[in-house]
C-alpha atoms as a PDB file:
ATOM      1  CA  MET A   1      17.899 158.009 159.950  1.00  0.00           C
ATOM      2  CA  LYS A   2      14.792 155.932 161.121  1.00  0.00           C
ATOM      3  CA  ARG A   3      15.350 153.503 158.327  1.00  0.00           C
ATOM      4  CA  THR A   4      18.915 152.982 159.135  1.00  0.00           C
ATOM      5  CA  VAL A   5      18.121 152.200 162.827  1.00  0.00           C
ATOM      6  CA  LEU A   6      15.332 149.880 161.765  1.00  0.00           C
ATOM      7  CA  LYS A   7      17.651 148.056 159.413  1.00  0.00           C
ATOM      8  CA  LYS A   8      20.155 147.617 162.262  1.00  0.00           C
ATOM      9  CA  ILE A   9      17.564 146.281 164.569  1.00  0.00           C
ATOM     10  CA  HIS A  10      16.155 143.952 161.842  1.00  0.00           C
ATOM     11  CA  SER A  11      19.637 142.574 161.192  1.00  0.00           C
ATOM     12  CA  LYS A  12      20.338 141.970 164.882  1.00  0.00           C
ATOM     13  CA  LEU A  13      17.030 140.131 165.211  1.00  0.00           C
ATOM     14  CA  HIS A  14      17.604 138.265 162.029  1.00  0.00           C
ATOM     15  CA  ASN A  15      21.035 137.052 163.199  1.00  0.00           C
ATOM     16  CA  LYS A  16      19.709 136.106 166.546  1.00  0.00           C
ATOM     17  CA  TYR A  17      16.895 133.901 165.094  1.00  0.00           C
ATOM     18  CA  LEU A  18      19.274 132.447 162.567  1.00  0.00           C
ATOM     19  CA  GLY A  19      21.416 131.218 165.372  1.00  0.00           C
ATOM     20  CA  LEU A  20      18.310 129.635 167.065  1.00  0.00           C
ATOM     21  CA  VAL A  21      17.370 127.966 163.738  1.00  0.00           C
ATOM     22  CA  LYS A  22      20.799 126.478 163.291  1.00  0.00           C
ATOM     23  CA  THR A  23      20.519 124.877 166.761  1.00  0.00           C
ATOM     24  CA  LEU A  24      17.260 123.284 165.733  1.00  0.00           C
ATOM     25  CA  SER A  25      18.571 120.579 163.506  1.00  0.00           C
ATOM     26  CA  ALA A  26      15.382 118.545 163.134  1.00  0.00           C
ATOM     27  CA  ASP A  27      11.598 118.853 163.523  1.00  0.00           C
ATOM     28  CA  ASN A  28      11.725 116.986 166.778  1.00  0.00           C
ATOM     29  CA  ASP A  29      14.103 119.701 168.262  1.00  0.00           C
ATOM     30  CA  LEU A  30      11.559 122.375 167.334  1.00  0.00           C
ATOM     31  CA  LYS A  31       8.692 120.256 168.727  1.00  0.00           C
ATOM     32  CA  ARG A  32      10.553 119.712 171.906  1.00  0.00           C
ATOM     33  CA  LEU A  33      11.392 123.381 172.309  1.00  0.00           C
ATOM     34  CA  ILE A  34       7.664 124.359 171.678  1.00  0.00           C
ATOM     35  CA  ASN A  35       6.436 121.720 174.022  1.00  0.00           C
ATOM     36  CA  SER A  36       8.657 122.926 176.769  1.00  0.00           C
ATOM     37  CA  LYS A  37       7.122 126.371 176.823  1.00  0.00           C
ATOM     38  CA  ASP A  38       3.746 127.610 178.254  1.00  0.00           C
ATOM     39  CA  ILE A  39       3.500 130.502 175.734  1.00  0.00           C
ATOM     40  CA  ILE A  40       4.964 130.606 172.168  1.00  0.00           C
ATOM     41  CA  SER A  41       5.180 133.827 170.311  1.00  0.00           C
ATOM     42  CA  PHE A  42       6.133 134.170 166.637  1.00  0.00           C
ATOM     43  CA  ASP A  43       7.348 137.522 164.982  1.00  0.00           C
ATOM     44  CA  ILE A  44       5.733 137.623 161.590  1.00  0.00           C
ATOM     45  CA  PHE A  45       6.895 140.161 159.194  1.00  0.00           C
ATOM     46  CA  ASP A  46       5.192 141.724 156.199  1.00  0.00           C
ATOM     47  CA  THR A  47       7.272 139.548 153.827  1.00  0.00           C
ATOM     48  CA  VAL A  48       5.404 136.554 155.253  1.00  0.00           C
ATOM     49  CA  ILE A  49       1.911 137.837 155.466  1.00  0.00           C
ATOM     50  CA  VAL A  50      -0.020 139.786 152.853  1.00  0.00           C
ATOM     51  CA  ARG A  51      -2.492 142.291 154.118  1.00  0.00           C
ATOM     52  CA  LYS A  52      -5.537 143.117 151.953  1.00  0.00           C
ATOM     53  CA  VAL A  53      -5.461 146.782 153.069  1.00  0.00           C
ATOM     54  CA  LEU A  54      -3.780 149.812 151.506  1.00  0.00           C
ATOM     55  CA  ASN A  55      -2.040 150.902 154.782  1.00  0.00           C
ATOM     56  CA  PRO A  56      -1.166 148.471 157.631  1.00  0.00           C
ATOM     57  CA  SER A  57      -2.848 150.938 160.071  1.00  0.00           C
ATOM     58  CA  ASP A  58      -6.145 150.211 158.206  1.00  0.00           C
ATOM     59  CA  ILE A  59      -6.342 146.962 160.282  1.00  0.00           C
ATOM     60  CA  PHE A  60      -6.900 148.940 163.425  1.00  0.00           C
ATOM     61  CA  LYS A  61     -10.085 150.416 161.979  1.00  0.00           C
ATOM     62  CA  ILE A  62     -11.240 146.984 160.815  1.00  0.00           C
ATOM     63  CA  VAL A  63     -10.645 145.546 164.245  1.00  0.00           C
ATOM     64  CA  GLU A  64     -12.626 148.468 165.763  1.00  0.00           C
ATOM     65  CA  ASP A  65     -15.524 147.873 163.330  1.00  0.00           C
ATOM     66  CA  LEU A  66     -15.618 144.148 163.942  1.00  0.00           C
ATOM     67  CA  TYR A  67     -15.703 144.738 167.680  1.00  0.00           C
ATOM     68  CA  THR A  68     -18.405 147.269 167.337  1.00  0.00           C
ATOM     69  CA  GLU A  69     -20.483 144.765 165.199  1.00  0.00           C
ATOM     70  CA  ARG A  70     -20.194 141.957 167.745  1.00  0.00           C
ATOM     71  CA  TYR A  71     -20.207 143.747 171.031  1.00  0.00           C
ATOM     72  CA  GLY A  72     -21.541 147.248 170.436  1.00  0.00           C
ATOM     73  CA  LYS A  73     -19.969 150.698 170.295  1.00  0.00           C
ATOM     74  CA  LEU A  74     -16.727 151.350 172.143  1.00  0.00           C
ATOM     75  CA  GLU A  75     -16.514 154.383 174.316  1.00  0.00           C
ATOM     76  CA  LEU A  76     -13.127 155.156 172.925  1.00  0.00           C
ATOM     77  CA  LYS A  77     -11.637 155.429 169.470  1.00  0.00           C
ATOM     78  CA  PHE A  78      -9.569 152.241 169.342  1.00  0.00           C
ATOM     79  CA  ALA A  79      -8.199 152.820 165.834  1.00  0.00           C
ATOM     80  CA  ASP A  80      -6.982 156.310 166.668  1.00  0.00           C
ATOM     81  CA  ILE A  81      -5.498 155.233 169.977  1.00  0.00           C
ATOM     82  CA  ARG A  82      -3.749 152.252 168.460  1.00  0.00           C
ATOM     83  CA  ILE A  83      -2.333 154.360 165.555  1.00  0.00           C
ATOM     84  CA  LYS A  84      -1.009 156.964 167.932  1.00  0.00           C
ATOM     85  CA  ALA A  85       0.590 154.297 170.109  1.00  0.00           C
ATOM     86  CA  ASN A  86       2.245 152.741 167.064  1.00  0.00           C
ATOM     87  CA  LEU A  87       3.700 156.029 165.975  1.00  0.00           C
ATOM     88  CA  LYS A  88       4.950 156.687 169.519  1.00  0.00           C
ATOM     89  CA  GLN A  89       6.592 153.301 169.667  1.00  0.00           C
ATOM     90  CA  LEU A  90       8.421 153.934 166.360  1.00  0.00           C
ATOM     91  CA  ARG A  91      10.010 157.222 167.485  1.00  0.00           C
END
């Protein structure tokens, strides 16, 4: 069930961005669009980036450890909170 819903969402987003890409016929169009905005956000899917971790959620523990090394111990468990938030968002 969840896979079907995710596939539908992915398909809709994919089609939406394909339409945008078709409207940007040249590099100058893309540059002009980017330059006209204050903030640019890119959705990057696992097919584009390779993570060197077994599970995607392992990244949260790595971020927590890097923060602790640089700034000291957190008073909360970032990795646990982030994993729970991610699971809640997927429901």
